[in-house]
PDB file of N, CA and C in Angstrom:
ATOM      1  N   UNK A   1     119.100-161.924 -86.371  1.00  0.00           N
ATOM      2  CA  UNK A   1     120.729-161.741 -86.863  1.00  0.00           C
ATOM      3  C   UNK A   1     121.179-160.382 -87.632  1.00  0.00           C
ATOM      4  N   UNK A   2     122.158-160.000 -87.321  1.00  0.00           N
ATOM      5  CA  UNK A   2     122.968-159.125 -87.716  1.00  0.00           C
ATOM      6  C   UNK A   2     122.959-158.615 -89.333  1.00  0.00           C
ATOM      7  N   UNK A   3     123.067-157.958 -89.805  1.00  0.00           N
ATOM      8  CA  UNK A   3     123.770-158.100 -90.852  1.00  0.00           C
ATOM      9  C   UNK A   3     125.222-157.423 -90.550  1.00  0.00           C
ATOM     10  N   UNK A   4     125.585-157.001 -92.122  1.00  0.00           N
ATOM     11  CA  UNK A   4     126.994-156.410 -92.325  1.00  0.00           C
ATOM     12  C   UNK A   4     127.165-154.996 -93.059  1.00  0.00           C
ATOM     13  N   UNK A   5     127.884-154.190 -92.646  1.00  0.00           N
ATOM     14  CA  UNK A   5     127.985-152.535 -93.203  1.00  0.00           C
ATOM     15  C   UNK A   5     129.454-152.758 -93.564  1.00  0.00           C
ATOM     16  N   UNK A   6     129.580-151.821 -94.886  1.00  0.00           N
ATOM     17  CA  UNK A   6     130.921-151.761 -95.379  1.00  0.00           C
ATOM     18  C   UNK A   6     131.176-150.104 -94.223  1.00  0.00           C
ATOM     19  N   UNK A   7     132.350-149.541 -94.486  1.00  0.00           N
ATOM     20  CA  UNK A   7     132.788-148.551 -94.058  1.00  0.00           C
ATOM     21  C   UNK A   7     132.110-147.707 -95.134  1.00  0.00           C
ATOM     22  N   UNK A   8     131.949-147.675 -96.179  1.00  0.00           N
ATOM     23  CA  UNK A   8     130.825-146.497 -97.315  1.00  0.00           C
ATOM     24  C   UNK A   8     129.856-146.641 -96.175  1.00  0.00           C
ATOM     25  N   UNK A   9     129.082-147.634 -95.619  1.00  0.00           N
ATOM     26  CA  UNK A   9     127.281-147.706 -95.637  1.00  0.00           C
ATOM     27  C   UNK A   9     128.059-146.687 -94.263  1.00  0.00           C
ATOM     28  N   UNK A  10     128.031-146.704 -93.432  1.00  0.00           N
ATOM     29  CA  UNK A  10     128.941-146.431 -91.959  1.00  0.00           C
ATOM     30  C   UNK A  10     128.920-144.949 -92.650  1.00  0.00           C
ATOM     31  N   UNK A  11     129.985-144.321 -93.249  1.00  0.00           N
ATOM     32  CA  UNK A  11     130.744-143.279 -93.702  1.00  0.00           C
ATOM     33  C   UNK A  11     128.453-142.567 -93.896  1.00  0.00           C
ATOM     34  N   UNK A  12     128.536-142.591 -94.515  1.00  0.00           N
ATOM     35  CA  UNK A  12     126.686-141.964 -95.371  1.00  0.00           C
ATOM     36  C   UNK A  12     125.700-142.175 -94.632  1.00  0.00           C
ATOM     37  N   UNK A  13     125.774-143.332 -93.347  1.00  0.00           N
ATOM     38  CA  UNK A  13     124.562-143.593 -92.022  1.00  0.00           C
ATOM     39  C   UNK A  13     125.358-141.666 -91.325  1.00  0.00           C
ATOM     40  N   UNK A  14     126.388-141.419 -90.903  1.00  0.00           N
ATOM     41  CA  UNK A  14     127.083-141.055 -90.142  1.00  0.00           C
ATOM     42  C   UNK A  14     127.369-138.953 -91.040  1.00  0.00           C
ATOM     43  N   UNK A  15     126.744-139.019 -92.271  1.00  0.00           N
ATOM     44  CA  UNK A  15     127.294-138.075 -92.828  1.00  0.00           C
ATOM     45  C   UNK A  15     129.303-137.337 -93.042  1.00  0.00           C
ATOM     46  N   UNK A  16     129.994-138.130 -92.596  1.00  0.00           N
ATOM     47  CA  UNK A  16     131.207-138.381 -92.476  1.00  0.00           C
ATOM     48  C   UNK A  16     132.540-139.122 -93.649  1.00  0.00           C
ATOM     49  N   UNK A  17     133.561-139.047 -93.819  1.00  0.00           N
ATOM     50  CA  UNK A  17     133.843-139.889 -94.485  1.00  0.00           C
ATOM     51  C   UNK A  17     134.466-140.828 -94.359  1.00  0.00           C
ATOM     52  N   UNK A  18     134.409-141.848 -95.625  1.00  0.00           N
ATOM     53  CA  UNK A  18     135.110-143.680 -95.238  1.00  0.00           C
ATOM     54  C   UNK A  18     136.529-143.566 -94.447  1.00  0.00           C
ATOM     55  N   UNK A  19     137.420-141.950 -94.590  1.00  0.00           N
ATOM     56  CA  UNK A  19     138.476-141.482 -93.724  1.00  0.00           C
ATOM     57  C   UNK A  19     138.396-141.618 -92.179  1.00  0.00           C
ATOM     58  N   UNK A  20     137.236-141.545 -92.001  1.00  0.00           N
ATOM     59  CA  UNK A  20     137.088-140.737 -90.920  1.00  0.00           C
ATOM     60  C   UNK A  20     135.822-142.440 -89.811  1.00  0.00           C
ATOM     61  N   UNK A  21     135.824-142.966 -90.537  1.00  0.00           N
ATOM     62  CA  UNK A  21     135.092-144.725 -90.005  1.00  0.00           C
ATOM     63  C   UNK A  21     136.698-145.068 -90.241  1.00  0.00           C
ATOM     64  N   UNK A  22     137.248-145.056 -91.290  1.00  0.00           N
ATOM     65  CA  UNK A  22     138.864-146.044 -90.468  1.00  0.00           C
ATOM     66  C   UNK A  22     139.766-145.334 -89.322  1.00  0.00           C
ATOM     67  N   UNK A  23     140.068-143.813 -88.871  1.00  0.00           N
ATOM     68  CA  UNK A  23     140.440-143.500 -88.210  1.00  0.00           C
ATOM     69  C   UNK A  23     138.831-143.982 -86.847  1.00  0.00           C
ATOM     70  N   UNK A  24     138.093-144.235 -87.245  1.00  0.00           N
ATOM     71  CA  UNK A  24     137.279-144.601 -85.934  1.00  0.00           C
ATOM     72  C   UNK A  24     137.703-146.388 -85.520  1.00  0.00           C
ATOM     73  N   UNK A  25     137.855-146.638 -86.479  1.00  0.00           N
ATOM     74  CA  UNK A  25     138.354-147.998 -86.221  1.00  0.00           C
ATOM     75  C   UNK A  25     140.153-148.556 -85.789  1.00  0.00           C
ATOM     76  N   UNK A  26     140.567-147.870 -86.546  1.00  0.00           N
ATOM     77  CA  UNK A  26     142.150-147.912 -85.922  1.00  0.00           C
ATOM     78  C   UNK A  26     142.144-147.297 -84.844  1.00  0.00           C
ATOM     79  N   UNK A  27     141.582-146.521 -84.178  1.00  0.00           N
ATOM     80  CA  UNK A  27     141.300-145.729 -82.248  1.00  0.00           C
ATOM     81  C   UNK A  27     140.799-146.711 -81.794  1.00  0.00           C
ATOM     82  N   UNK A  28     140.527-147.914 -82.429  1.00  0.00           N
ATOM     83  CA  UNK A  28     139.958-148.776 -81.450  1.00  0.00           C
ATOM     84  C   UNK A  28     138.234-148.273 -81.278  1.00  0.00           C
ATOM     85  N   UNK A  29     137.119-147.377 -81.516  1.00  0.00           N
ATOM     86  CA  UNK A  29     136.356-147.081 -81.529  1.00  0.00           C
ATOM     87  C   UNK A  29     135.541-147.757 -81.613  1.00  0.00           C
ATOM     88  N   UNK A  30     135.478-148.579 -83.006  1.00  0.00           N
ATOM     89  CA  UNK A  30     133.978-149.068 -84.146  1.00  0.00           C
ATOM     90  C   UNK A  30     134.806-150.627 -84.084  1.00  0.00           C
ATOM     91  N   UNK A  31     133.814-151.740 -83.446  1.00  0.00           N
ATOM     92  CA  UNK A  31     134.574-153.258 -83.785  1.00  0.00           C
ATOM     93  C   UNK A  31     134.421-153.566 -85.328  1.00  0.00           C
ATOM     94  N   UNK A  32     135.062-154.213 -85.868  1.00  0.00           N
ATOM     95  CA  UNK A  32     135.093-154.791 -86.656  1.00  0.00           C
ATOM     96  C   UNK A  32     135.424-155.849 -87.321  1.00  0.00           C
ATOM     97  N   UNK A  33     135.412-156.487 -88.546  1.00  0.00           N
ATOM     98  CA  UNK A  33     136.255-157.743 -89.508  1.00  0.00           C
ATOM     99  C   UNK A  33     136.553-157.080 -90.297  1.00  0.00           C
ATOM    100  N   UNK A  34     137.767-157.463 -90.114  1.00  0.00           N
ATOM    101  CA  UNK A  34     139.369-156.992 -91.449  1.00  0.00           C
ATOM    102  C   UNK A  34     139.401-158.660 -92.247  1.00  0.00           C
ATOM    103  N   UNK A  35     138.115-158.170 -93.915  1.00  0.00           N
ATOM    104  CA  UNK A  35     138.230-159.019 -94.740  1.00  0.00           C
ATOM    105  C   UNK A  35     139.612-159.628 -95.333  1.00  0.00           C
ATOM    106  N   UNK A  36     140.342-158.412 -95.859  1.00  0.00           N
ATOM    107  CA  UNK A  36     141.497-158.427 -96.428  1.00  0.00           C
ATOM    108  C   UNK A  36     142.112-156.620 -95.585  1.00  0.00           C
ATOM    109  N   UNK A  37     143.369-156.449 -95.800  1.00  0.00           N
ATOM    110  CA  UNK A  37     144.486-155.188 -95.550  1.00  0.00           C
ATOM    111  C   UNK A  37     143.478-154.068 -95.560  1.00  0.00           C
ATOM    112  N   UNK A  38     142.750-154.424 -96.352  1.00  0.00           N
ATOM    113  CA  UNK A  38     141.772-153.213 -96.734  1.00  0.00           C
ATOM    114  C   UNK A  38     140.630-152.952 -96.933  1.00  0.00           C
ATOM    115  N   UNK A  39     139.515-153.777 -96.471  1.00  0.00           N
ATOM    116  CA  UNK A  39     137.629-154.564 -96.421  1.00  0.00           C
ATOM    117  C   UNK A  39     137.794-154.385 -95.291  1.00  0.00           C
ATOM    118  N   UNK A  40     136.785-153.750 -95.008  1.00  0.00           N
ATOM    119  CA  UNK A  40     136.865-154.304 -93.312  1.00  0.00           C
ATOM    120  C   UNK A  40     134.519-154.138 -93.535  1.00  0.00           C
ATOM    121  N   UNK A  41     134.110-155.116 -92.113  1.00  0.00           N
ATOM    122  CA  UNK A  41     132.797-154.676 -92.097  1.00  0.00           C
ATOM    123  C   UNK A  41     132.294-154.838 -90.681  1.00  0.00           C
ATOM    124  N   UNK A  42     131.356-154.153 -90.879  1.00  0.00           N
ATOM    125  CA  UNK A  42     130.684-153.190 -89.371  1.00  0.00           C
ATOM    126  C   UNK A  42     129.499-154.143 -88.937  1.00  0.00           C
ATOM    127  N   UNK A  43     129.429-155.081 -88.107  1.00  0.00           N
ATOM    128  CA  UNK A  43     127.883-155.759 -87.776  1.00  0.00           C
ATOM    129  C   UNK A  43     127.194-154.237 -86.848  1.00  0.00           C
ATOM    130  N   UNK A  44     126.239-154.717 -87.782  1.00  0.00           N
ATOM    131  CA  UNK A  44     124.766-153.786 -87.095  1.00  0.00           C
ATOM    132  C   UNK A  44     124.688-153.675 -85.728  1.00  0.00           C
ATOM    133  N   UNK A  45     124.902-154.951 -84.957  1.00  0.00           N
ATOM    134  CA  UNK A  45     124.638-154.734 -83.455  1.00  0.00           C
ATOM    135  C   UNK A  45     126.073-153.767 -82.951  1.00  0.00           C
ATOM    136  N   UNK A  46     127.171-153.786 -83.642  1.00  0.00           N
ATOM    137  CA  UNK A  46     128.293-153.429 -82.852  1.00  0.00           C
ATOM    138  C   UNK A  46     128.081-151.625 -83.764  1.00  0.00           C
ATOM    139  N   UNK A  47     127.977-151.640 -84.357  1.00  0.00           N
ATOM    140  CA  UNK A  47     127.499-149.949 -85.125  1.00  0.00           C
ATOM    141  C   UNK A  47     126.816-149.555 -83.618  1.00  0.00           C
ATOM    142  N   UNK A  48     125.603-150.306 -83.249  1.00  0.00           N
ATOM    143  CA  UNK A  48     124.940-149.653 -82.269  1.00  0.00           C
ATOM    144  C   UNK A  48     125.399-149.463 -81.349  1.00  0.00           C
ATOM    145  N   UNK A  49     126.672-150.297 -80.775  1.00  0.00           N
ATOM    146  CA  UNK A  49     127.231-150.088 -79.347  1.00  0.00           C
ATOM    147  C   UNK A  49     127.660-149.468 -79.482  1.00  0.00           C
ATOM    148  N   UNK A  50     128.110-148.918 -80.655  1.00  0.00           N
ATOM    149  CA  UNK A  50     129.202-147.749 -81.293  1.00  0.00           C
ATOM    150  C   UNK A  50     128.644-146.091 -80.587  1.00  0.00           C
ATOM    151  N   UNK A  51     126.881-145.816 -81.302  1.00  0.00           N
ATOM    152  CA  UNK A  51     126.307-145.345 -80.861  1.00  0.00           C
ATOM    153  C   UNK A  51     125.956-144.517 -79.590  1.00  0.00           C
ATOM    154  N   UNK A  52     125.906-146.284 -79.017  1.00  0.00           N
ATOM    155  CA  UNK A  52     125.268-145.104 -77.457  1.00  0.00           C
ATOM    156  C   UNK A  52     126.411-145.531 -76.728  1.00  0.00           C
ATOM    157  N   UNK A  53     127.732-145.517 -77.192  1.00  0.00           N
ATOM    158  CA  UNK A  53     129.173-145.455 -76.618  1.00  0.00           C
ATOM    159  C   UNK A  53     130.194-146.236 -75.684  1.00  0.00           C
ATOM    160  N   UNK A  54     129.763-147.238 -76.289  1.00  0.00           N
ATOM    161  CA  UNK A  54     130.661-148.183 -76.015  1.00  0.00           C
ATOM    162  C   UNK A  54     131.330-148.217 -76.329  1.00  0.00           C
ATOM    163  N   UNK A  55     132.717-148.327 -76.769  1.00  0.00           N
ATOM    164  CA  UNK A  55     133.942-148.486 -77.321  1.00  0.00           C
ATOM    165  C   UNK A  55     134.803-149.521 -77.348  1.00  0.00           C
ATOM    166  N   UNK A  56     135.600-150.373 -78.248  1.00  0.00           N
ATOM    167  CA  UNK A  56     136.587-151.834 -78.242  1.00  0.00           C
ATOM    168  C   UNK A  56     137.453-150.918 -78.303  1.00  0.00           C
ATOM    169  N   UNK A  57     138.191-152.354 -77.437  1.00  0.00           N
ATOM    170  CA  UNK A  57     139.954-151.695 -77.637  1.00  0.00           C
ATOM    171  C   UNK A  57     140.469-151.988 -79.034  1.00  0.00           C
ATOM    172  N   UNK A  58     141.744-151.182 -78.587  1.00  0.00           N
ATOM    173  CA  UNK A  58     142.302-151.196 -80.061  1.00  0.00           C
ATOM    174  C   UNK A  58     142.545-152.403 -81.207  1.00  0.00           C
ATOM    175  N   UNK A  59     142.370-153.307 -80.320  1.00  0.00           N
ATOM    176  CA  UNK A  59     142.540-154.702 -80.762  1.00  0.00           C
ATOM    177  C   UNK A  59     141.494-155.958 -81.155  1.00  0.00           C
ATOM    178  N   UNK A  60     139.756-154.493 -80.878  1.00  0.00           N
ATOM    179  CA  UNK A  60     139.104-155.371 -80.918  1.00  0.00           C
ATOM    180  C   UNK A  60     139.014-156.411 -82.499  1.00  0.00           C
ATOM    181  N   UNK A  61     139.407-155.511 -83.281  1.00  0.00           N
ATOM    182  CA  UNK A  61     138.819-156.481 -84.931  1.00  0.00           C
ATOM    183  C   UNK A  61     139.106-158.019 -84.983  1.00  0.00           C
ATOM    184  N   UNK A  62     138.308-158.209 -85.720  1.00  0.00           N
ATOM    185  CA  UNK A  62     138.389-159.784 -85.914  1.00  0.00           C
ATOM    186  C   UNK A  62     139.408-159.774 -87.336  1.00  0.00           C
ATOM    187  N   UNK A  63     139.748-161.829 -87.275  1.00  0.00           N
ATOM    188  CA  UNK A  63     140.259-161.459 -88.506  1.00  0.00           C
ATOM    189  C   UNK A  63     139.806-162.583 -89.104  1.00  0.00           C
ATOM    190  N   UNK A  64     139.403-162.610 -90.451  1.00  0.00           N
ATOM    191  CA  UNK A  64     139.139-163.706 -90.987  1.00  0.00           C
ATOM    192  C   UNK A  64     139.783-164.898 -92.324  1.00  0.00           C
TER     193      UNK A  64
END
């Protein structure tokens, strides 16, 4: 079962800022779930796909 990571978790994992992670999301490079206008979660499996270089379209984010 997939776990979910916050933008802060992803930023710490890669040694970048949260702003960089948000740029990846907005550029369609990182699939995400948008919980509120400023709150995102990233599935671990989607992060692994990102690591493999599999990018998502800019509209790939899901709204719940």
